[in-house]
Amino acid sequence: SWYAHKIRDCWISEASDKLDQRMLLIKTLVALCPL
């Protein structure tokens, strides 16, 4: 159902958020080193 797909999307989004945690900060620190 449409509701099941939205629940699936929500779970995938939550897992993606946990996977992406601190990745932007890491990339920022990499860029900060030469500066």
All heavy atoms as atom14 arrays in JSON, in Angstrom:
{
  "sequence": "SWYAHKIRDCWISEASDKLDQRMLLIKTLVALCPL",
  "atom14_mask": [
    [1, 1, 1, 1, 1, 1, 0, 0, 0, 0, 0, 0, 0, 0],
    [1, 1, 1, 1, 1, 1, 1, 1, 1, 1, 1, 1, 1, 1],
    [1, 1, 1, 1, 1, 1, 1, 1, 1, 1, 1, 1, 0, 0],
    [1, 1, 1, 1, 1, 0, 0, 0, 0, 0, 0, 0, 0, 0],
    [1, 1, 1, 1, 1, 1, 1, 1, 1, 1, 0, 0, 0, 0],
    [1, 1, 1, 1, 1, 1, 1, 1, 1, 0, 0, 0, 0, 0],
    [1, 1, 1, 1, 1, 1, 1, 1, 0, 0, 0, 0, 0, 0],
    [1, 1, 1, 1, 1, 1, 1, 1, 1, 1, 1, 0, 0, 0],
    [1, 1, 1, 1, 1, 1, 1, 1, 0, 0, 0, 0, 0, 0],
    [1, 1, 1, 1, 1, 1, 0, 0, 0, 0, 0, 0, 0, 0],
    [1, 1, 1, 1, 1, 1, 1, 1, 1, 1, 1, 1, 1, 1],
    [1, 1, 1, 1, 1, 1, 1, 1, 0, 0, 0, 0, 0, 0],
    [1, 1, 1, 1, 1, 1, 0, 0, 0, 0, 0, 0, 0, 0],
    [1, 1, 1, 1, 1, 1, 1, 1, 1, 0, 0, 0, 0, 0],
    [1, 1, 1, 1, 1, 0, 0, 0, 0, 0, 0, 0, 0, 0],
    [1, 1, 1, 1, 1, 1, 0, 0, 0, 0, 0, 0, 0, 0],
    [1, 1, 1, 1, 1, 1, 1, 1, 0, 0, 0, 0, 0, 0],
    [1, 1, 1, 1, 1, 1, 1, 1, 1, 0, 0, 0, 0, 0],
    [1, 1, 1, 1, 1, 1, 1, 1, 0, 0, 0, 0, 0, 0],
    [1, 1, 1, 1, 1, 1, 1, 1, 0, 0, 0, 0, 0, 0],
    [1, 1, 1, 1, 1, 1, 1, 1, 1, 0, 0, 0, 0, 0],
    [1, 1, 1, 1, 1, 1, 1, 1, 1, 1, 1, 0, 0, 0],
    [1, 1, 1, 1, 1, 1, 1, 1, 0, 0, 0, 0, 0, 0],
    [1, 1, 1, 1, 1, 1, 1, 1, 0, 0, 0, 0, 0, 0],
    [1, 1, 1, 1, 1, 1, 1, 1, 0, 0, 0, 0, 0, 0],
    [1, 1, 1, 1, 1, 1, 1, 1, 0, 0, 0, 0, 0, 0],
    [1, 1, 1, 1, 1, 1, 1, 1, 1, 0, 0, 0, 0, 0],
    [1, 1, 1, 1, 1, 1, 1, 0, 0, 0, 0, 0, 0, 0],
    [1, 1, 1, 1, 1, 1, 1, 1, 0, 0, 0, 0, 0, 0],
    [1, 1, 1, 1, 1, 1, 1, 0, 0, 0, 0, 0, 0, 0],
    [1, 1, 1, 1, 1, 0, 0, 0, 0, 0, 0, 0, 0, 0],
    [1, 1, 1, 1, 1, 1, 1, 1, 0, 0, 0, 0, 0, 0],
    [1, 1, 1, 1, 1, 1, 0, 0, 0, 0, 0, 0, 0, 0],
    [1, 1, 1, 1, 1, 1, 1, 0, 0, 0, 0, 0, 0, 0],
    [1, 1, 1, 1, 1, 1, 1, 1, 0, 0, 0, 0, 0, 0]
  ],
  "atom14_positions": [
    [[0.83, -1.21, 0.0], [0.0, 0.0, 0.0], [0.86, 1.26, 0.0], [2.07, 1.23, 0.23], [-0.91, 0.02, 1.23], [-0.15, 0.23, 2.4], [0.0, 0.0, 0.0], [0.0, 0.0, 0.0], [0.0, 0.0, 0.0], [0.0, 0.0, 0.0], [0.0, 0.0, 0.0], [0.0, 0.0, 0.0], [0.0, 0.0, 0.0], [0.0, 0.0, 0.0]],
    [[0.2, 2.37, -0.24], [0.87, 3.67, -0.23], [1.47, 3.93, 1.15], [2.59, 4.42, 1.27], [-0.14, 4.76, -0.6], [0.45, 6.14, -0.64], [1.09, 6.73, -1.68], [0.45, 7.09, 0.43], [1.5, 7.99, -1.34], [1.11, 8.25, -0.04], [-0.04, 7.09, 1.73], [1.3, 9.37, 0.75], [0.16, 8.22, 2.5], [0.82, 9.35, 2.01]],
    [[0.72, 3.58, 2.21], [1.2, 3.77, 3.58], [2.44, 2.91, 3.86], [3.4, 3.38, 4.5], [0.11, 3.43, 4.6], [-1.05, 4.39, 4.54], [-2.27, 4.0, 4.02], [-0.92, 5.69, 5.0], [-3.34, 4.89, 3.95], [-1.97, 6.58, 4.94], [-3.18, 6.18, 4.41], [-4.22, 7.06, 4.35], [0.0, 0.0, 0.0], [0.0, 0.0, 0.0]],
    [[2.45, 1.7, 3.37], [3.6, 0.81, 3.56], [4.84, 1.39, 2.88], [5.94, 1.36, 3.44], [3.3, -0.58, 3.03], [0.0, 0.0, 0.0], [0.0, 0.0, 0.0], [0.0, 0.0, 0.0], [0.0, 0.0, 0.0], [0.0, 0.0, 0.0], [0.0, 0.0, 0.0], [0.0, 0.0, 0.0], [0.0, 0.0, 0.0], [0.0, 0.0, 0.0]],
    [[4.66, 1.95, 1.7], [5.79, 2.55, 0.98], [6.33, 3.78, 1.73], [7.54, 4.02, 1.74], [5.39, 2.92, -0.45], [5.23, 1.72, -1.33], [6.29, 1.11, -1.95], [4.13, 0.99, -1.67], [5.86, 0.08, -2.65], [4.55, -0.01, -2.49], [0.0, 0.0, 0.0], [0.0, 0.0, 0.0], [0.0, 0.0, 0.0], [0.0, 0.0, 0.0]],
    [[5.42, 4.54, 2.34], [5.87, 5.71, 3.11], [6.62, 5.28, 4.37], [7.61, 5.91, 4.75], [4.68, 6.61, 3.48], [4.05, 7.28, 2.28], [5.11, 8.1, 1.55], [4.59, 8.58, 0.2], [5.63, 9.14, -0.63], [0.0, 0.0, 0.0], [0.0, 0.0, 0.0], [0.0, 0.0, 0.0], [0.0, 0.0, 0.0], [0.0, 0.0, 0.0]],
    [[6.18, 4.21, 5.01], [6.89, 3.67, 6.17], [8.27, 3.17, 5.74], [9.28, 3.45, 6.41], [6.07, 2.54, 6.85], [4.83, 3.15, 7.51], [6.92, 1.75, 7.83], [3.83, 2.13, 8.01], [0.0, 0.0, 0.0], [0.0, 0.0, 0.0], [0.0, 0.0, 0.0], [0.0, 0.0, 0.0], [0.0, 0.0, 0.0], [0.0, 0.0, 0.0]],
    [[8.32, 2.46, 4.61], [9.6, 1.99, 4.06], [10.53, 3.18, 3.8], [11.7, 3.16, 4.19], [9.34, 1.22, 2.77], [10.57, 0.78, 2.03], [10.18, 0.17, 0.67], [11.34, -0.22, -0.09], [12.03, 0.59, -0.89], [11.67, 1.85, -1.02], [13.07, 0.15, -1.55], [0.0, 0.0, 0.0], [0.0, 0.0, 0.0], [0.0, 0.0, 0.0]],
    [[10.01, 4.21, 3.15], [10.82, 5.4, 2.86], [11.32, 6.06, 4.14], [12.45, 6.55, 4.2], [10.01, 6.4, 2.03], [9.72, 5.91, 0.62], [10.38, 4.93, 0.18], [8.84, 6.49, -0.04], [0.0, 0.0, 0.0], [0.0, 0.0, 0.0], [0.0, 0.0, 0.0], [0.0, 0.0, 0.0], [0.0, 0.0, 0.0], [0.0, 0.0, 0.0]],
    [[10.48, 6.09, 5.16], [10.85, 6.69, 6.44], [11.99, 5.9, 7.08], [12.96, 6.5, 7.57], [9.63, 6.73, 7.37], [9.99, 7.41, 9.0], [0.0, 0.0, 0.0], [0.0, 0.0, 0.0], [0.0, 0.0, 0.0], [0.0, 0.0, 0.0], [0.0, 0.0, 0.0], [0.0, 0.0, 0.0], [0.0, 0.0, 0.0], [0.0, 0.0, 0.0]],
    [[11.89, 4.57, 7.09], [12.95, 3.75, 7.67], [14.26, 3.91, 6.91], [15.33, 3.99, 7.51], [12.54, 2.29, 7.71], [11.46, 1.99, 8.71], [11.05, 2.77, 9.74], [10.66, 0.81, 8.76], [10.05, 2.15, 10.44], [9.78, 0.94, 9.85], [10.58, -0.34, 7.99], [8.86, -0.04, 10.2], [9.66, -1.32, 8.33], [8.81, -1.16, 9.43]],
    [[14.17, 3.96, 5.6], [15.37, 4.16, 4.78], [15.97, 5.53, 5.07], [17.19, 5.67, 5.19], [15.05, 3.98, 3.28], [14.73, 2.51, 2.98], [16.21, 4.47, 2.42], [14.22, 2.26, 1.57], [0.0, 0.0, 0.0], [0.0, 0.0, 0.0], [0.0, 0.0, 0.0], [0.0, 0.0, 0.0], [0.0, 0.0, 0.0], [0.0, 0.0, 0.0]],
    [[15.13, 6.53, 5.2], [15.6, 7.89, 5.49], [16.28, 7.97, 6.86], [17.33, 8.6, 7.0], [14.43, 8.86, 5.41], [14.84, 10.16, 5.74], [0.0, 0.0, 0.0], [0.0, 0.0, 0.0], [0.0, 0.0, 0.0], [0.0, 0.0, 0.0], [0.0, 0.0, 0.0], [0.0, 0.0, 0.0], [0.0, 0.0, 0.0], [0.0, 0.0, 0.0]],
    [[15.69, 7.32, 7.85], [16.3, 7.32, 9.18], [17.66, 6.65, 9.17], [18.62, 7.13, 9.78], [15.38, 6.63, 10.19], [14.15, 7.44, 10.55], [13.17, 6.68, 11.43], [13.41, 5.49, 11.73], [12.16, 7.29, 11.81], [0.0, 0.0, 0.0], [0.0, 0.0, 0.0], [0.0, 0.0, 0.0], [0.0, 0.0, 0.0], [0.0, 0.0, 0.0]],
    [[17.76, 5.52, 8.46], [19.04, 4.82, 8.36], [20.05, 5.68, 7.59], [21.23, 5.74, 7.95], [18.87, 3.47, 7.68], [0.0, 0.0, 0.0], [0.0, 0.0, 0.0], [0.0, 0.0, 0.0], [0.0, 0.0, 0.0], [0.0, 0.0, 0.0], [0.0, 0.0, 0.0], [0.0, 0.0, 0.0], [0.0, 0.0, 0.0], [0.0, 0.0, 0.0]],
    [[19.6, 6.36, 6.55], [20.49, 7.23, 5.77], [21.01, 8.37, 6.63], [22.19, 8.74, 6.52], [19.75, 7.81, 4.56], [19.47, 6.8, 3.63], [0.0, 0.0, 0.0], [0.0, 0.0, 0.0], [0.0, 0.0, 0.0], [0.0, 0.0, 0.0], [0.0, 0.0, 0.0], [0.0, 0.0, 0.0], [0.0, 0.0, 0.0], [0.0, 0.0, 0.0]],
    [[20.15, 8.92, 7.47], [20.6, 9.99, 8.37], [21.69, 9.49, 9.32], [22.67, 10.18, 9.57], [19.43, 10.55, 9.19], [18.53, 11.46, 8.39], [18.93, 11.88, 7.28], [17.42, 11.76, 8.87], [0.0, 0.0, 0.0], [0.0, 0.0, 0.0], [0.0, 0.0, 0.0], [0.0, 0.0, 0.0], [0.0, 0.0, 0.0], [0.0, 0.0, 0.0]],
    [[21.51, 8.28, 9.83], [22.52, 7.73, 10.73], [23.82, 7.43, 9.99], [24.91, 7.6, 10.54], [22.0, 6.47, 11.42], [20.93, 6.8, 12.44], [20.45, 5.59, 13.18], [19.4, 6.04, 14.19], [18.84, 4.96, 14.95], [0.0, 0.0, 0.0], [0.0, 0.0, 0.0], [0.0, 0.0, 0.0], [0.0, 0.0, 0.0], [0.0, 0.0, 0.0]],
    [[23.71, 7.0, 8.73], [24.91, 6.75, 7.93], [25.65, 8.05, 7.61], [26.87, 8.08, 7.56], [24.54, 6.03, 6.63], [24.2, 4.55, 6.75], [23.56, 4.04, 5.47], [25.43, 3.73, 7.09], [0.0, 0.0, 0.0], [0.0, 0.0, 0.0], [0.0, 0.0, 0.0], [0.0, 0.0, 0.0], [0.0, 0.0, 0.0], [0.0, 0.0, 0.0]],
    [[24.89, 9.12, 7.37], [25.49, 10.4, 6.98], [26.01, 11.22, 8.16], [26.68, 12.24, 7.94], [24.47, 11.25, 6.22], [24.27, 10.76, 4.8], [25.19, 10.14, 4.25], [23.18, 11.01, 4.24], [0.0, 0.0, 0.0], [0.0, 0.0, 0.0], [0.0, 0.0, 0.0], [0.0, 0.0, 0.0], [0.0, 0.0, 0.0], [0.0, 0.0, 0.0]],
    [[25.71, 10.78, 9.38], [26.15, 11.56, 10.54], [27.65, 11.81, 10.5], [28.43, 10.9, 10.23], [25.82, 10.82, 11.85], [24.43, 11.03, 12.33], [24.19, 10.31, 13.65], [24.89, 9.39, 14.02], [23.17, 10.76, 14.36], [0.0, 0.0, 0.0], [0.0, 0.0, 0.0], [0.0, 0.0, 0.0], [0.0, 0.0, 0.0], [0.0, 0.0, 0.0]],
    [[28.04, 13.01, 10.74], [29.43, 13.46, 10.83], [30.21, 13.41, 9.53], [31.38, 13.77, 9.49], [30.17, 12.69, 11.92], [29.66, 13.03, 13.3], [30.43, 12.33, 14.38], [29.9, 11.1, 14.9], [28.72, 10.91, 15.45], [27.88, 11.87, 15.53], [28.36, 9.75, 15.93], [0.0, 0.0, 0.0], [0.0, 0.0, 0.0], [0.0, 0.0, 0.0]],
    [[29.6, 12.95, 8.43], [30.32, 12.91, 7.15], [30.65, 14.32, 6.66], [31.75, 14.56, 6.17], [29.53, 12.13, 6.1], [29.48, 10.63, 6.33], [31.11, 9.87, 6.41], [31.68, 10.13, 4.74], [0.0, 0.0, 0.0], [0.0, 0.0, 0.0], [0.0, 0.0, 0.0], [0.0, 0.0, 0.0], [0.0, 0.0, 0.0], [0.0, 0.0, 0.0]],
    [[29.71, 15.24, 6.8], [29.97, 16.61, 6.37], [31.06, 17.25, 7.24], [31.93, 17.96, 6.72], [28.69, 17.44, 6.42], [28.79, 18.88, 5.93], [29.24, 18.92, 4.47], [27.47, 19.59, 6.08], [0.0, 0.0, 0.0], [0.0, 0.0, 0.0], [0.0, 0.0, 0.0], [0.0, 0.0, 0.0], [0.0, 0.0, 0.0], [0.0, 0.0, 0.0]],
    [[31.04, 16.96, 8.52], [32.07, 17.49, 9.42], [33.45, 16.93, 9.05], [34.44, 17.66, 9.03], [31.73, 17.16, 10.87], [32.71, 17.66, 11.92], [32.89, 19.17, 11.85], [32.24, 17.24, 13.31], [0.0, 0.0, 0.0], [0.0, 0.0, 0.0], [0.0, 0.0, 0.0], [0.0, 0.0, 0.0], [0.0, 0.0, 0.0], [0.0, 0.0, 0.0]],
    [[33.51, 15.66, 8.71], [34.77, 15.05, 8.3], [35.3, 15.72, 7.04], [36.48, 16.1, 6.95], [34.61, 13.53, 8.08], [34.4, 12.83, 9.43], [35.81, 12.94, 7.35], [33.97, 11.38, 9.33], [0.0, 0.0, 0.0], [0.0, 0.0, 0.0], [0.0, 0.0, 0.0], [0.0, 0.0, 0.0], [0.0, 0.0, 0.0], [0.0, 0.0, 0.0]],
    [[34.42, 15.91, 6.05], [34.84, 16.57, 4.81], [35.28, 18.01, 5.07], [36.23, 18.5, 4.45], [33.7, 16.53, 3.79], [33.42, 15.14, 3.28], [32.21, 15.14, 2.35], [31.87, 13.74, 1.9], [30.67, 13.7, 1.07], [0.0, 0.0, 0.0], [0.0, 0.0, 0.0], [0.0, 0.0, 0.0], [0.0, 0.0, 0.0], [0.0, 0.0, 0.0]],
    [[34.61, 18.67, 5.98], [34.99, 20.04, 6.33], [36.37, 20.07, 6.98], [37.2, 20.94, 6.67], [33.94, 20.67, 7.26], [32.67, 20.64, 6.61], [34.29, 22.09, 7.63], [0.0, 0.0, 0.0], [0.0, 0.0, 0.0], [0.0, 0.0, 0.0], [0.0, 0.0, 0.0], [0.0, 0.0, 0.0], [0.0, 0.0, 0.0], [0.0, 0.0, 0.0]],
    [[36.63, 19.13, 7.88], [37.95, 19.08, 8.54], [39.06, 18.76, 7.54], [40.16, 19.3, 7.64], [37.93, 18.07, 9.68], [37.09, 18.47, 10.89], [37.0, 17.31, 11.88], [37.64, 19.7, 11.56], [0.0, 0.0, 0.0], [0.0, 0.0, 0.0], [0.0, 0.0, 0.0], [0.0, 0.0, 0.0], [0.0, 0.0, 0.0], [0.0, 0.0, 0.0]],
    [[38.75, 17.89, 6.56], [39.73, 17.6, 5.52], [40.07, 18.87, 4.75], [41.24, 19.16, 4.49], [39.21, 16.5, 4.56], [40.07, 16.39, 3.33], [39.13, 15.16, 5.27], [0.0, 0.0, 0.0], [0.0, 0.0, 0.0], [0.0, 0.0, 0.0], [0.0, 0.0, 0.0], [0.0, 0.0, 0.0], [0.0, 0.0, 0.0], [0.0, 0.0, 0.0]],
    [[39.05, 19.64, 4.42], [39.27, 20.9, 3.69], [39.95, 21.95, 4.56], [40.65, 22.83, 4.05], [37.95, 21.43, 3.16], [0.0, 0.0, 0.0], [0.0, 0.0, 0.0], [0.0, 0.0, 0.0], [0.0, 0.0, 0.0], [0.0, 0.0, 0.0], [0.0, 0.0, 0.0], [0.0, 0.0, 0.0], [0.0, 0.0, 0.0], [0.0, 0.0, 0.0]],
    [[39.75, 21.86, 5.87], [40.32, 22.85, 6.78], [41.83, 22.66, 6.99], [42.55, 23.63, 7.25], [39.59, 22.77, 8.12], [39.86, 23.84, 9.15], [39.44, 25.2, 8.61], [39.12, 23.52, 10.44], [0.0, 0.0, 0.0], [0.0, 0.0, 0.0], [0.0, 0.0, 0.0], [0.0, 0.0, 0.0], [0.0, 0.0, 0.0], [0.0, 0.0, 0.0]],
    [[42.31, 21.43, 6.87], [43.74, 21.15, 7.12], [44.68, 22.02, 6.3], [45.58, 22.65, 6.88], [44.03, 19.67, 6.88], [43.44, 18.59, 8.18], [0.0, 0.0, 0.0], [0.0, 0.0, 0.0], [0.0, 0.0, 0.0], [0.0, 0.0, 0.0], [0.0, 0.0, 0.0], [0.0, 0.0, 0.0], [0.0, 0.0, 0.0], [0.0, 0.0, 0.0]],
    [[44.53, 22.11, 4.97], [45.47, 22.97, 4.23], [45.29, 24.45, 4.57], [46.26, 25.22, 4.53], [45.16, 22.72, 2.76], [44.07, 21.75, 2.69], [43.67, 21.37, 4.07], [0.0, 0.0, 0.0], [0.0, 0.0, 0.0], [0.0, 0.0, 0.0], [0.0, 0.0, 0.0], [0.0, 0.0, 0.0], [0.0, 0.0, 0.0], [0.0, 0.0, 0.0]],
    [[44.08, 24.84, 4.94], [43.86, 26.24, 5.3], [44.58, 26.6, 6.59], [45.15, 27.69, 6.72], [42.37, 26.53, 5.4], [41.58, 26.37, 4.1], [40.09, 26.58, 4.35], [42.09, 27.3, 3.04], [0.0, 0.0, 0.0], [0.0, 0.0, 0.0], [0.0, 0.0, 0.0], [0.0, 0.0, 0.0], [0.0, 0.0, 0.0], [0.0, 0.0, 0.0]]
  ]
}
